[in-house]
Amino acid sequence: MSVTTVLLDAGGVLLDEAAWERTRAEATAEVLRAHVPGYTTAQYDADIEEAVRTYCPRAYHFVFWRHLGPDRDLYHQALAAFEVLWRPRRPPMRLMAGIGDELPRLAA
Protein backbone atom coordinates (compact mmCIF):
# COMPACT_ATOMS: atom_id res chain seq x y z
CA MET A 1 0.00 0.00 0.00
CA SER A 2 1.40 3.41 -0.89
CA VAL A 3 0.88 6.55 1.13
CA THR A 4 -1.38 8.98 -0.68
CA THR A 5 -2.12 11.50 2.05
CA VAL A 6 -0.41 12.84 5.14
CA LEU A 7 -2.38 14.84 7.70
CA LEU A 8 -0.50 17.15 10.01
CA ASP A 9 -2.20 18.41 13.14
CA ALA A 10 -0.47 21.64 14.04
CA GLY A 11 -2.88 22.16 16.90
CA GLY A 12 -6.61 22.67 16.72
CA VAL A 13 -7.14 20.77 13.47
CA LEU A 14 -7.93 17.24 14.59
CA LEU A 15 -7.78 17.63 18.36
CA ASP A 16 -9.37 20.37 20.46
CA GLU A 17 -6.53 21.19 22.82
CA ALA A 18 -8.07 24.24 24.52
CA ALA A 19 -8.78 22.60 27.90
CA TRP A 20 -5.42 20.78 27.75
CA GLU A 21 -3.53 24.04 27.16
CA ARG A 22 -5.41 26.02 29.84
CA THR A 23 -4.74 23.31 32.41
CA ARG A 24 -1.06 23.19 31.42
CA ALA A 25 -0.84 27.00 31.71
CA GLU A 26 -2.42 26.97 35.17
CA ALA A 27 -0.13 24.22 36.47
CA THR A 28 2.96 25.92 35.02
CA ALA A 29 2.03 29.27 36.52
CA GLU A 30 1.42 27.64 39.89
CA VAL A 31 4.88 26.06 39.87
CA LEU A 32 6.67 29.14 38.56
CA ARG A 33 5.04 31.49 41.09
CA ALA A 34 7.18 29.80 43.76
CA HIS A 35 10.25 31.19 41.96
CA VAL A 36 8.87 34.09 39.90
CA PRO A 37 6.49 36.06 42.14
CA GLY A 38 3.27 37.01 40.40
CA TYR A 39 3.82 34.77 37.35
CA THR A 40 0.50 34.50 35.47
CA THR A 41 -1.09 32.41 32.77
CA ALA A 42 -0.92 35.50 30.53
CA GLN A 43 2.86 35.47 30.96
CA TYR A 44 2.82 31.77 30.16
CA ASP A 45 0.92 32.49 26.94
CA ALA A 46 3.52 35.11 25.97
CA ASP A 47 6.36 32.69 26.79
CA ILE A 48 4.76 29.99 24.62
CA GLU A 49 4.39 32.46 21.74
CA GLU A 50 8.09 33.30 22.06
CA ALA A 51 8.97 29.60 22.05
CA VAL A 52 6.95 29.06 18.88
CA ARG A 53 8.45 32.14 17.17
CA THR A 54 11.95 30.83 17.88
CA TYR A 55 11.09 27.30 16.69
CA CYS A 56 11.77 25.81 20.11
CA PRO A 57 11.18 22.05 19.87
CA ARG A 58 9.93 21.76 23.48
CA ALA A 59 7.92 24.90 24.13
CA TYR A 60 6.81 23.88 27.63
CA HIS A 61 10.36 23.21 28.73
CA PHE A 62 11.38 26.55 27.24
CA VAL A 63 9.05 28.34 29.68
CA PHE A 64 10.73 26.78 32.70
CA TRP A 65 14.24 27.29 31.33
CA ARG A 66 13.52 30.93 30.44
CA HIS A 67 12.72 31.72 34.05
CA LEU A 68 14.88 29.26 35.98
CA GLY A 69 17.91 28.66 33.80
CA PRO A 70 20.81 28.40 34.02
CA ASP A 71 20.13 26.73 37.41
CA ARG A 72 19.75 23.20 36.06
CA ASP A 73 18.80 21.69 39.41
CA LEU A 74 16.02 24.23 39.94
CA TYR A 75 14.84 23.74 36.35
CA HIS A 76 14.58 19.96 36.82
CA GLN A 77 12.90 20.36 40.22
CA ALA A 78 10.32 22.69 38.69
CA LEU A 79 9.63 20.29 35.82
CA ALA A 80 9.13 17.48 38.32
CA ALA A 81 6.78 19.66 40.39
CA PHE A 82 4.86 20.50 37.23
CA GLU A 83 4.44 16.79 36.41
CA VAL A 84 3.05 16.14 39.90
CA LEU A 85 0.39 18.84 39.34
CA TRP A 86 -0.22 18.11 35.67
CA ARG A 87 -0.85 14.37 35.67
CA PRO A 88 -3.98 14.26 37.84
CA ARG A 89 -5.39 17.46 36.30
CA ARG A 90 -4.76 16.62 32.64
CA PRO A 91 -8.09 16.65 30.79
CA PRO A 92 -8.90 14.08 28.11
CA MET A 93 -8.12 14.97 24.50
CA ARG A 94 -11.21 15.68 22.42
CA LEU A 95 -11.74 15.73 18.69
CA MET A 96 -12.51 19.09 17.10
CA ALA A 97 -16.20 19.61 16.41
CA GLY A 98 -17.16 17.99 13.11
CA ILE A 99 -13.85 16.20 12.49
CA GLY A 100 -15.30 12.87 13.62
CA ASP A 101 -17.60 12.93 10.57
CA GLU A 102 -14.70 13.82 8.27
CA LEU A 103 -12.21 11.18 9.40
CA PRO A 104 -13.95 8.20 7.72
CA ARG A 105 -14.20 10.20 4.48
CA LEU A 106 -10.53 11.11 4.67
CA ALA A 107 -9.62 7.48 5.37
CA ALA A 108 -11.60 6.36 2.31
PDB file of N, CA and C in Angstrom:
ATOM      1  N   MET A   1       0.850  -1.174   0.000  1.00  0.00           N
ATOM      2  CA  MET A   1       0.000   0.000   0.000  1.00  0.00           C
ATOM      3  C   MET A   1       0.891   1.231   0.000  1.00  0.00           C
ATOM      4  N   SER A   2       0.611   2.181  -0.853  1.00  0.00           N
ATOM      5  CA  SER A   2       1.399   3.408  -0.889  1.00  0.00           C
ATOM      6  C   SER A   2       0.672   4.513  -0.137  1.00  0.00           C
ATOM      7  N   VAL A   3       1.444   5.410   0.397  1.00  0.00           N
ATOM      8  CA  VAL A   3       0.880   6.546   1.131  1.00  0.00           C
ATOM      9  C   VAL A   3       0.413   7.579   0.115  1.00  0.00           C
ATOM     10  N   THR A   4      -0.839   7.987   0.236  1.00  0.00           N
ATOM     11  CA  THR A   4      -1.383   8.984  -0.684  1.00  0.00           C
ATOM     12  C   THR A   4      -1.662  10.313  -0.004  1.00  0.00           C
ATOM     13  N   THR A   5      -1.775  10.282   1.328  1.00  0.00           N
ATOM     14  CA  THR A   5      -2.121  11.500   2.052  1.00  0.00           C
ATOM     15  C   THR A   5      -1.442  11.505   3.413  1.00  0.00           C
ATOM     16  N   VAL A   6      -0.968  12.659   3.811  1.00  0.00           N
ATOM     17  CA  VAL A   6      -0.407  12.839   5.144  1.00  0.00           C
ATOM     18  C   VAL A   6      -1.139  14.010   5.791  1.00  0.00           C
ATOM     19  N   LEU A   7      -1.703  13.782   6.955  1.00  0.00           N
ATOM     20  CA  LEU A   7      -2.379  14.841   7.697  1.00  0.00           C
ATOM     21  C   LEU A   7      -1.481  15.294   8.833  1.00  0.00           C
ATOM     22  N   LEU A   8      -1.283  16.584   8.920  1.00  0.00           N
ATOM     23  CA  LEU A   8      -0.500  17.149  10.013  1.00  0.00           C
ATOM     24  C   LEU A   8      -1.427  17.951  10.908  1.00  0.00           C
ATOM     25  N   ASP A   9      -1.396  17.658  12.188  1.00  0.00           N
ATOM     26  CA  ASP A   9      -2.203  18.406  13.142  1.00  0.00           C
ATOM     27  C   ASP A   9      -1.291  19.372  13.864  1.00  0.00           C
ATOM     28  N   ALA A  10      -1.314  20.617  13.448  1.00  0.00           N
ATOM     29  CA  ALA A  10      -0.467  21.640  14.044  1.00  0.00           C
ATOM     30  C   ALA A  10      -1.129  22.254  15.270  1.00  0.00           C
ATOM     31  N   GLY A  11      -2.166  21.653  15.736  1.00  0.00           N
ATOM     32  CA  GLY A  11      -2.878  22.160  16.903  1.00  0.00           C
ATOM     33  C   GLY A  11      -4.218  22.729  16.479  1.00  0.00           C
ATOM     34  N   GLY A  12      -5.288  22.155  17.009  1.00  0.00           N
ATOM     35  CA  GLY A  12      -6.610  22.674  16.720  1.00  0.00           C
ATOM     36  C   GLY A  12      -7.166  22.265  15.368  1.00  0.00           C
ATOM     37  N   VAL A  13      -6.609  21.257  14.737  1.00  0.00           N
ATOM     38  CA  VAL A  13      -7.139  20.767  13.466  1.00  0.00           C
ATOM     39  C   VAL A  13      -7.927  19.486  13.714  1.00  0.00           C
ATOM     40  N   LEU A  14      -7.272  18.502  14.272  1.00  0.00           N
ATOM     41  CA  LEU A  14      -7.931  17.242  14.594  1.00  0.00           C
ATOM     42  C   LEU A  14      -8.376  17.201  16.051  1.00  0.00           C
ATOM     43  N   LEU A  15      -7.513  17.679  16.924  1.00  0.00           N
ATOM     44  CA  LEU A  15      -7.784  17.634  18.363  1.00  0.00           C
ATOM     45  C   LEU A  15      -8.056  19.025  18.911  1.00  0.00           C
ATOM     46  N   ASP A  16      -9.065  19.119  19.763  1.00  0.00           N
ATOM     47  CA  ASP A  16      -9.366  20.369  20.461  1.00  0.00           C
ATOM     48  C   ASP A  16      -8.526  20.378  21.731  1.00  0.00           C
ATOM     49  N   GLU A  17      -7.492  21.170  21.725  1.00  0.00           N
ATOM     50  CA  GLU A  17      -6.529  21.187  22.818  1.00  0.00           C
ATOM     51  C   GLU A  17      -6.735  22.338  23.798  1.00  0.00           C
ATOM     52  N   ALA A  18      -7.846  23.044  23.698  1.00  0.00           N
ATOM     53  CA  ALA A  18      -8.072  24.242  24.517  1.00  0.00           C
ATOM     54  C   ALA A  18      -8.032  23.940  26.016  1.00  0.00           C
ATOM     55  N   ALA A  19      -8.767  22.935  26.472  1.00  0.00           N
ATOM     56  CA  ALA A  19      -8.779  22.600  27.901  1.00  0.00           C
ATOM     57  C   ALA A  19      -7.421  22.098  28.344  1.00  0.00           C
ATOM     58  N   TRP A  20      -6.754  21.325  27.493  1.00  0.00           N
ATOM     59  CA  TRP A  20      -5.420  20.783  27.755  1.00  0.00           C
ATOM     60  C   TRP A  20      -4.444  21.938  27.980  1.00  0.00           C
ATOM     61  N   GLU A  21      -4.465  22.911  27.070  1.00  0.00           N
ATOM     62  CA  GLU A  21      -3.529  24.040  27.157  1.00  0.00           C
ATOM     63  C   GLU A  21      -3.812  24.933  28.365  1.00  0.00           C
ATOM     64  N   ARG A  22      -5.082  25.179  28.679  1.00  0.00           N
ATOM     65  CA  ARG A  22      -5.406  26.019  29.839  1.00  0.00           C
ATOM     66  C   ARG A  22      -4.935  25.345  31.123  1.00  0.00           C
ATOM     67  N   THR A  23      -5.158  24.048  31.218  1.00  0.00           N
ATOM     68  CA  THR A  23      -4.739  23.314  32.411  1.00  0.00           C
ATOM     69  C   THR A  23      -3.224  23.321  32.538  1.00  0.00           C
ATOM     70  N   ARG A  24      -2.529  23.149  31.421  1.00  0.00           N
ATOM     71  CA  ARG A  24      -1.063  23.187  31.423  1.00  0.00           C
ATOM     72  C   ARG A  24      -0.575  24.578  31.848  1.00  0.00           C
ATOM     73  N   ALA A  25      -1.215  25.623  31.349  1.00  0.00           N
ATOM     74  CA  ALA A  25      -0.836  26.996  31.707  1.00  0.00           C
ATOM     75  C   ALA A  25      -1.028  27.241  33.202  1.00  0.00           C
ATOM     76  N   GLU A  26      -2.136  26.778  33.740  1.00  0.00           N
ATOM     77  CA  GLU A  26      -2.416  26.974  35.166  1.00  0.00           C
ATOM     78  C   GLU A  26      -1.416  26.235  36.037  1.00  0.00           C
ATOM     79  N   ALA A  27      -1.096  24.995  35.686  1.00  0.00           N
ATOM     80  CA  ALA A  27      -0.134  24.223  36.474  1.00  0.00           C
ATOM     81  C   ALA A  27       1.265  24.834  36.380  1.00  0.00           C
ATOM     82  N   THR A  28       1.641  25.279  35.195  1.00  0.00           N
ATOM     83  CA  THR A  28       2.960  25.915  35.021  1.00  0.00           C
ATOM     84  C   THR A  28       3.051  27.186  35.841  1.00  0.00           C
ATOM     85  N   ALA A  29       2.023  28.020  35.762  1.00  0.00           N
ATOM     86  CA  ALA A  29       2.025  29.275  36.523  1.00  0.00           C
ATOM     87  C   ALA A  29       2.098  29.003  38.019  1.00  0.00           C
ATOM     88  N   GLU A  30       1.390  27.995  38.474  1.00  0.00           N
ATOM     89  CA  GLU A  30       1.415  27.639  39.893  1.00  0.00           C
ATOM     90  C   GLU A  30       2.826  27.259  40.344  1.00  0.00           C
ATOM     91  N   VAL A  31       3.512  26.472  39.531  1.00  0.00           N
ATOM     92  CA  VAL A  31       4.884  26.061  39.872  1.00  0.00           C
ATOM     93  C   VAL A  31       5.831  27.254  39.802  1.00  0.00           C
ATOM     94  N   LEU A  32       5.728  28.031  38.734  1.00  0.00           N
ATOM     95  CA  LEU A  32       6.674  29.139  38.564  1.00  0.00           C
ATOM     96  C   LEU A  32       6.486  30.250  39.592  1.00  0.00           C
ATOM     97  N   ARG A  33       5.267  30.436  40.084  1.00  0.00           N
ATOM     98  CA  ARG A  33       5.040  31.488  41.094  1.00  0.00           C
ATOM     99  C   ARG A  33       5.894  31.286  42.343  1.00  0.00           C
ATOM    100  N   ALA A  34       6.299  30.055  42.609  1.00  0.00           N
ATOM    101  CA  ALA A  34       7.175  29.795  43.762  1.00  0.00           C
ATOM    102  C   ALA A  34       8.559  30.404  43.549  1.00  0.00           C
ATOM    103  N   HIS A  35       8.909  30.676  42.291  1.00  0.00           N
ATOM    104  CA  HIS A  35      10.245  31.191  41.963  1.00  0.00           C
ATOM    105  C   HIS A  35      10.195  32.541  41.269  1.00  0.00           C
ATOM    106  N   VAL A  36       9.070  32.828  40.624  1.00  0.00           N
ATOM    107  CA  VAL A  36       8.874  34.088  39.899  1.00  0.00           C
ATOM    108  C   VAL A  36       7.585  34.700  40.443  1.00  0.00           C
ATOM    109  N   PRO A  37       7.696  35.517  41.500  1.00  0.00           N
ATOM    110  CA  PRO A  37       6.491  36.058  42.138  1.00  0.00           C
ATOM    111  C   PRO A  37       5.552  36.733  41.136  1.00  0.00           C
ATOM    112  N   GLY A  38       4.288  36.384  41.237  1.00  0.00           N
ATOM    113  CA  GLY A  38       3.271  37.006  40.401  1.00  0.00           C
ATOM    114  C   GLY A  38       3.160  36.441  38.996  1.00  0.00           C
ATOM    115  N   TYR A  39       3.880  35.353  38.698  1.00  0.00           N
ATOM    116  CA  TYR A  39       3.818  34.769  37.351  1.00  0.00           C
ATOM    117  C   TYR A  39       2.374  34.379  37.054  1.00  0.00           C
ATOM    118  N   THR A  40       1.901  34.723  35.846  1.00  0.00           N
ATOM    119  CA  THR A  40       0.502  34.502  35.471  1.00  0.00           C
ATOM    120  C   THR A  40       0.379  33.615  34.239  1.00  0.00           C
ATOM    121  N   THR A  41      -0.842  33.176  33.985  1.00  0.00           N
ATOM    122  CA  THR A  41      -1.092  32.407  32.769  1.00  0.00           C
ATOM    123  C   THR A  41      -0.929  33.297  31.534  1.00  0.00           C
ATOM    124  N   ALA A  42      -1.154  34.584  31.665  1.00  0.00           N
ATOM    125  CA  ALA A  42      -0.921  35.497  30.532  1.00  0.00           C
ATOM    126  C   ALA A  42       0.568  35.536  30.192  1.00  0.00           C
ATOM    127  N   GLN A  43       1.418  35.537  31.212  1.00  0.00           N
ATOM    128  CA  GLN A  43       2.856  35.474  30.959  1.00  0.00           C
ATOM    129  C   GLN A  43       3.228  34.147  30.311  1.00  0.00           C
ATOM    130  N   TYR A  44       2.605  33.087  30.771  1.00  0.00           N
ATOM    131  CA  TYR A  44       2.825  31.772  30.165  1.00  0.00           C
ATOM    132  C   TYR A  44       2.483  31.819  28.675  1.00  0.00           C
ATOM    133  N   ASP A  45       1.330  32.398  28.338  1.00  0.00           N
ATOM    134  CA  ASP A  45       0.923  32.495  26.936  1.00  0.00           C
ATOM    135  C   ASP A  45       1.968  33.247  26.117  1.00  0.00           C
ATOM    136  N   ALA A  46       2.489  34.333  26.667  1.00  0.00           N
ATOM    137  CA  ALA A  46       3.524  35.113  25.971  1.00  0.00           C
ATOM    138  C   ALA A  46       4.803  34.286  25.824  1.00  0.00           C
ATOM    139  N   ASP A  47       5.170  33.544  26.858  1.00  0.00           N
ATOM    140  CA  ASP A  47       6.360  32.690  26.786  1.00  0.00           C
ATOM    141  C   ASP A  47       6.196  31.608  25.710  1.00  0.00           C
ATOM    142  N   ILE A  48       5.016  31.015  25.627  1.00  0.00           N
ATOM    143  CA  ILE A  48       4.759  29.989  24.617  1.00  0.00           C
ATOM    144  C   ILE A  48       4.840  30.602  23.221  1.00  0.00           C
ATOM    145  N   GLU A  49       4.292  31.790  23.045  1.00  0.00           N
ATOM    146  CA  GLU A  49       4.390  32.461  21.742  1.00  0.00           C
ATOM    147  C   GLU A  49       5.851  32.694  21.364  1.00  0.00           C
ATOM    148  N   GLU A  50       6.663  33.104  22.326  1.00  0.00           N
ATOM    149  CA  GLU A  50       8.087  33.298  22.057  1.00  0.00           C
ATOM    150  C   GLU A  50       8.749  31.975  21.669  1.00  0.00           C
ATOM    151  N   ALA A  51       8.404  30.910  22.368  1.00  0.00           N
ATOM    152  CA  ALA A  51       8.971  29.596  22.048  1.00  0.00           C
ATOM    153  C   ALA A  51       8.618  29.184  20.623  1.00  0.00           C
ATOM    154  N   VAL A  52       7.387  29.417  20.223  1.00  0.00           N
ATOM    155  CA  VAL A  52       6.947  29.062  18.876  1.00  0.00           C
ATOM    156  C   VAL A  52       7.659  29.931  17.840  1.00  0.00           C
ATOM    157  N   ARG A  53       7.762  31.228  18.105  1.00  0.00           N
ATOM    158  CA  ARG A  53       8.451  32.137  17.166  1.00  0.00           C
ATOM    159  C   ARG A  53       9.908  31.755  16.956  1.00  0.00           C
ATOM    160  N   THR A  54      10.529  31.188  17.988  1.00  0.00           N
ATOM    161  CA  THR A  54      11.950  30.829  17.881  1.00  0.00           C
ATOM    162  C   THR A  54      12.141  29.353  17.519  1.00  0.00           C
ATOM    163  N   TYR A  55      11.040  28.696  17.130  1.00  0.00           N
ATOM    164  CA  TYR A  55      11.093  27.297  16.690  1.00  0.00           C
ATOM    165  C   TYR A  55      11.638  26.360  17.760  1.00  0.00           C
ATOM    166  N   CYS A  56      11.320  26.646  18.992  1.00  0.00           N
ATOM    167  CA  CYS A  56      11.773  25.807  20.105  1.00  0.00           C
ATOM    168  C   CYS A  56      11.068  24.452  20.018  1.00  0.00           C
ATOM    169  N   PRO A  57      11.808  23.364  20.023  1.00  0.00           N
ATOM    170  CA  PRO A  57      11.176  22.046  19.874  1.00  0.00           C
ATOM    171  C   PRO A  57      10.384  21.586  21.098  1.00  0.00           C
ATOM    172  N   ARG A  58      10.649  22.153  22.256  1.00  0.00           N
ATOM    173  CA  ARG A  58       9.928  21.759  23.477  1.00  0.00           C
ATOM    174  C   ARG A  58       9.469  23.026  24.181  1.00  0.00           C
ATOM    175  N   ALA A  59       8.398  23.589  23.669  1.00  0.00           N
ATOM    176  CA  ALA A  59       7.922  24.895  24.131  1.00  0.00           C
ATOM    177  C   ALA A  59       7.681  24.941  25.630  1.00  0.00           C
ATOM    178  N   TYR A  60       7.134  23.872  26.206  1.00  0.00           N
ATOM    179  CA  TYR A  60       6.807  23.884  27.629  1.00  0.00           C
ATOM    180  C   TYR A  60       8.084  23.893  28.475  1.00  0.00           C
ATOM    181  N   HIS A  61       9.087  23.203  28.017  1.00  0.00           N
ATOM    182  CA  HIS A  61      10.364  23.208  28.729  1.00  0.00           C
ATOM    183  C   HIS A  61      11.030  24.581  28.612  1.00  0.00           C
ATOM    184  N   PHE A  62      10.852  25.213  27.459  1.00  0.00           N
ATOM    185  CA  PHE A  62      11.384  26.553  27.239  1.00  0.00           C
ATOM    186  C   PHE A  62      10.912  27.513  28.326  1.00  0.00           C
ATOM    187  N   VAL A  63       9.629  27.430  28.675  1.00  0.00           N
ATOM    188  CA  VAL A  63       9.051  28.340  29.678  1.00  0.00           C
ATOM    189  C   VAL A  63       9.797  28.208  31.004  1.00  0.00           C
ATOM    190  N   PHE A  64      10.026  26.988  31.428  1.00  0.00           N
ATOM    191  CA  PHE A  64      10.730  26.781  32.699  1.00  0.00           C
ATOM    192  C   PHE A  64      12.182  27.240  32.602  1.00  0.00           C
ATOM    193  N   TRP A  65      12.838  26.908  31.492  1.00  0.00           N
ATOM    194  CA  TRP A  65      14.244  27.290  31.334  1.00  0.00           C
ATOM    195  C   TRP A  65      14.394  28.803  31.260  1.00  0.00           C
ATOM    196  N   ARG A  66      13.468  29.475  30.582  1.00  0.00           N
ATOM    197  CA  ARG A  66      13.519  30.935  30.437  1.00  0.00           C
ATOM    198  C   ARG A  66      13.548  31.620  31.799  1.00  0.00           C
ATOM    199  N   HIS A  67      12.833  31.069  32.749  1.00  0.00           N
ATOM    200  CA  HIS A  67      12.721  31.721  34.052  1.00  0.00           C
ATOM    201  C   HIS A  67      13.641  31.134  35.119  1.00  0.00           C
ATOM    202  N   LEU A  68      14.084  29.899  34.928  1.00  0.00           N
ATOM    203  CA  LEU A  68      14.876  29.256  35.976  1.00  0.00           C
ATOM    204  C   LEU A  68      16.299  28.919  35.562  1.00  0.00           C
ATOM    205  N   GLY A  69      16.562  28.944  34.263  1.00  0.00           N
ATOM    206  CA  GLY A  69      17.909  28.657  33.795  1.00  0.00           C
ATOM    207  C   GLY A  69      18.828  29.815  34.134  1.00  0.00           C
ATOM    208  N   PRO A  70      20.063  29.622  34.285  1.00  0.00           N
ATOM    209  CA  PRO A  70      20.808  28.397  34.020  1.00  0.00           C
ATOM    210  C   PRO A  70      20.947  27.474  35.240  1.00  0.00           C
ATOM    211  N   ASP A  71      20.090  27.624  36.241  1.00  0.00           N
ATOM    212  CA  ASP A  71      20.132  26.730  37.405  1.00  0.00           C
ATOM    213  C   ASP A  71      19.467  25.407  37.019  1.00  0.00           C
ATOM    214  N   ARG A  72      20.272  24.466  36.574  1.00  0.00           N
ATOM    215  CA  ARG A  72      19.746  23.204  36.059  1.00  0.00           C
ATOM    216  C   ARG A  72      18.997  22.406  37.120  1.00  0.00           C
ATOM    217  N   ASP A  73      19.476  22.427  38.343  1.00  0.00           N
ATOM    218  CA  ASP A  73      18.795  21.686  39.405  1.00  0.00           C
ATOM    219  C   ASP A  73      17.395  22.265  39.647  1.00  0.00           C
ATOM    220  N   LEU A  74      17.305  23.579  39.729  1.00  0.00           N
ATOM    221  CA  LEU A  74      16.016  24.229  39.944  1.00  0.00           C
ATOM    222  C   LEU A  74      15.077  23.964  38.763  1.00  0.00           C
ATOM    223  N   TYR A  75      15.616  24.030  37.565  1.00  0.00           N
ATOM    224  CA  TYR A  75      14.841  23.741  36.352  1.00  0.00           C
ATOM    225  C   TYR A  75      14.248  22.328  36.426  1.00  0.00           C
ATOM    226  N   HIS A  76      15.068  21.348  36.743  1.00  0.00           N
ATOM    227  CA  HIS A  76      14.584  19.959  36.816  1.00  0.00           C
ATOM    228  C   HIS A  76      13.605  19.763  37.973  1.00  0.00           C
ATOM    229  N   GLN A  77      13.837  20.434  39.087  1.00  0.00           N
ATOM    230  CA  GLN A  77      12.904  20.355  40.216  1.00  0.00           C
ATOM    231  C   GLN A  77      11.546  20.938  39.823  1.00  0.00           C
ATOM    232  N   ALA A  78      11.572  22.055  39.110  1.00  0.00           N
ATOM    233  CA  ALA A  78      10.322  22.692  38.687  1.00  0.00           C
ATOM    234  C   ALA A  78       9.575  21.814  37.685  1.00  0.00           C
ATOM    235  N   LEU A  79      10.291  21.203  36.760  1.00  0.00           N
ATOM    236  CA  LEU A  79       9.632  20.294  35.816  1.00  0.00           C
ATOM    237  C   LEU A  79       8.997  19.114  36.553  1.00  0.00           C
ATOM    238  N   ALA A  80       9.686  18.587  37.536  1.00  0.00           N
ATOM    239  CA  ALA A  80       9.135  17.481  38.322  1.00  0.00           C
ATOM    240  C   ALA A  80       7.894  17.932  39.092  1.00  0.00           C
ATOM    241  N   ALA A  81       7.940  19.125  39.668  1.00  0.00           N
ATOM    242  CA  ALA A  81       6.780  19.662  40.393  1.00  0.00           C
ATOM    243  C   ALA A  81       5.603  19.870  39.441  1.00  0.00           C
ATOM    244  N   PHE A  82       5.914  20.338  38.243  1.00  0.00           N
ATOM    245  CA  PHE A  82       4.864  20.498  37.228  1.00  0.00           C
ATOM    246  C   PHE A  82       4.200  19.153  36.931  1.00  0.00           C
ATOM    247  N   GLU A  83       4.995  18.113  36.724  1.00  0.00           N
ATOM    248  CA  GLU A  83       4.444  16.792  36.414  1.00  0.00           C
ATOM    249  C   GLU A  83       3.523  16.293  37.519  1.00  0.00           C
ATOM    250  N   VAL A  84       3.887  16.555  38.767  1.00  0.00           N
ATOM    251  CA  VAL A  84       3.052  16.140  39.903  1.00  0.00           C
ATOM    252  C   VAL A  84       1.684  16.835  39.839  1.00  0.00           C
ATOM    253  N   LEU A  85       1.664  18.112  39.466  1.00  0.00           N
ATOM    254  CA  LEU A  85       0.395  18.842  39.345  1.00  0.00           C
ATOM    255  C   LEU A  85      -0.353  18.447  38.078  1.00  0.00           C
ATOM    256  N   TRP A  86       0.365  18.313  36.986  1.00  0.00           N
ATOM    257  CA  TRP A  86      -0.219  18.109  35.666  1.00  0.00           C
ATOM    258  C   TRP A  86      -0.935  16.768  35.521  1.00  0.00           C
ATOM    259  N   ARG A  87      -0.302  15.703  35.935  1.00  0.00           N
ATOM    260  CA  ARG A  87      -0.851  14.367  35.667  1.00  0.00           C
ATOM    261  C   ARG A  87      -2.284  14.171  36.168  1.00  0.00           C
ATOM    262  N   PRO A  88      -2.599  14.491  37.414  1.00  0.00           N
ATOM    263  CA  PRO A  88      -3.982  14.259  37.845  1.00  0.00           C
ATOM    264  C   PRO A  88      -4.981  15.280  37.284  1.00  0.00           C
ATOM    265  N   ARG A  89      -4.502  16.413  36.811  1.00  0.00           N
ATOM    266  CA  ARG A  89      -5.394  17.463  36.296  1.00  0.00           C
ATOM    267  C   ARG A  89      -5.617  17.366  34.786  1.00  0.00           C
ATOM    268  N   ARG A  90      -4.757  16.658  34.106  1.00  0.00           N
ATOM    269  CA  ARG A  90      -4.758  16.622  32.635  1.00  0.00           C
ATOM    270  C   ARG A  90      -6.120  16.166  32.115  1.00  0.00           C
ATOM    271  N   PRO A  91      -6.781  17.030  31.325  1.00  0.00           N
ATOM    272  CA  PRO A  91      -8.089  16.649  30.786  1.00  0.00           C
ATOM    273  C   PRO A  91      -7.930  15.703  29.593  1.00  0.00           C
ATOM    274  N   PRO A  92      -8.982  14.969  29.273  1.00  0.00           N
ATOM    275  CA  PRO A  92      -8.897  14.078  28.109  1.00  0.00           C
ATOM    276  C   PRO A  92      -8.830  14.899  26.817  1.00  0.00           C
ATOM    277  N   MET A  93      -8.149  14.338  25.821  1.00  0.00           N
ATOM    278  CA  MET A  93      -8.123  14.975  24.502  1.00  0.00           C
ATOM    279  C   MET A  93      -9.488  14.761  23.853  1.00  0.00           C
ATOM    280  N   ARG A  94      -9.930  15.759  23.108  1.00  0.00           N
ATOM    281  CA  ARG A  94     -11.207  15.678  22.415  1.00  0.00           C
ATOM    282  C   ARG A  94     -11.000  16.034  20.945  1.00  0.00           C
ATOM    283  N   LEU A  95     -11.783  15.385  20.099  1.00  0.00           N
ATOM    284  CA  LEU A  95     -11.741  15.732  18.686  1.00  0.00           C
ATOM    285  C   LEU A  95     -12.381  17.095  18.463  1.00  0.00           C
ATOM    286  N   MET A  96     -11.890  17.824  17.470  1.00  0.00           N
ATOM    287  CA  MET A  96     -12.510  19.095  17.095  1.00  0.00           C
ATOM    288  C   MET A  96     -13.932  18.817  16.620  1.00  0.00           C
ATOM    289  N   ALA A  97     -14.809  19.760  16.848  1.00  0.00           N
ATOM    290  CA  ALA A  97     -16.195  19.609  16.415  1.00  0.00           C
ATOM    291  C   ALA A  97     -16.234  19.344  14.911  1.00  0.00           C
ATOM    292  N   GLY A  98     -16.976  18.310  14.522  1.00  0.00           N
ATOM    293  CA  GLY A  98     -17.162  17.993  13.113  1.00  0.00           C
ATOM    294  C   GLY A  98     -16.099  17.104  12.504  1.00  0.00           C
ATOM    295  N   ILE A  99     -14.925  17.000  13.112  1.00  0.00           N
ATOM    296  CA  ILE A  99     -13.849  16.204  12.494  1.00  0.00           C
ATOM    297  C   ILE A  99     -14.171  14.711  12.528  1.00  0.00           C
ATOM    298  N   GLY A 100     -14.929  14.283  13.532  1.00  0.00           N
ATOM    299  CA  GLY A 100     -15.299  12.869  13.616  1.00  0.00           C
ATOM    300  C   GLY A 100     -16.057  12.389  12.383  1.00  0.00           C
ATOM    301  N   ASP A 101     -16.876  13.269  11.790  1.00  0.00           N
ATOM    302  CA  ASP A 101     -17.596  12.925  10.568  1.00  0.00           C
ATOM    303  C   ASP A 101     -16.671  12.907   9.354  1.00  0.00           C
ATOM    304  N   GLU A 102     -15.629  13.720   9.410  1.00  0.00           N
ATOM    305  CA  GLU A 102     -14.705  13.822   8.275  1.00  0.00           C
ATOM    306  C   GLU A 102     -13.680  12.700   8.228  1.00  0.00           C
ATOM    307  N   LEU A 103     -13.268  12.181   9.359  1.00  0.00           N
ATOM    308  CA  LEU A 103     -12.208  11.184   9.397  1.00  0.00           C
ATOM    309  C   LEU A 103     -12.495   9.949   8.538  1.00  0.00           C
ATOM    310  N   PRO A 104     -13.686   9.362   8.600  1.00  0.00           N
ATOM    311  CA  PRO A 104     -13.948   8.198   7.718  1.00  0.00           C
ATOM    312  C   PRO A 104     -13.853   8.573   6.244  1.00  0.00           C
ATOM    313  N   ARG A 105     -14.299   9.766   5.890  1.00  0.00           N
ATOM    314  CA  ARG A 105     -14.203  10.197   4.482  1.00  0.00           C
ATOM    315  C   ARG A 105     -12.761  10.377   4.067  1.00  0.00           C
ATOM    316  N   LEU A 106     -11.943  10.934   4.962  1.00  0.00           N
ATOM    317  CA  LEU A 106     -10.528  11.105   4.667  1.00  0.00           C
ATOM    318  C   LEU A 106      -9.825   9.751   4.545  1.00  0.00           C
ATOM    319  N   ALA A 107     -10.230   8.821   5.410  1.00  0.00           N
ATOM    320  CA  ALA A 107      -9.624   7.484   5.372  1.00  0.00           C
ATOM    321  C   ALA A 107      -9.971   6.746   4.082  1.00  0.00           C
ATOM    322  N   ALA A 108     -11.171   7.027   3.549  1.00  0.00           N
ATOM    323  CA  ALA A 108     -11.603   6.362   2.310  1.00  0.00           C
ATOM    324  C   ALA A 108     -10.829   6.916   1.126  1.00  0.00           C
TER     325      ALA A 108
END
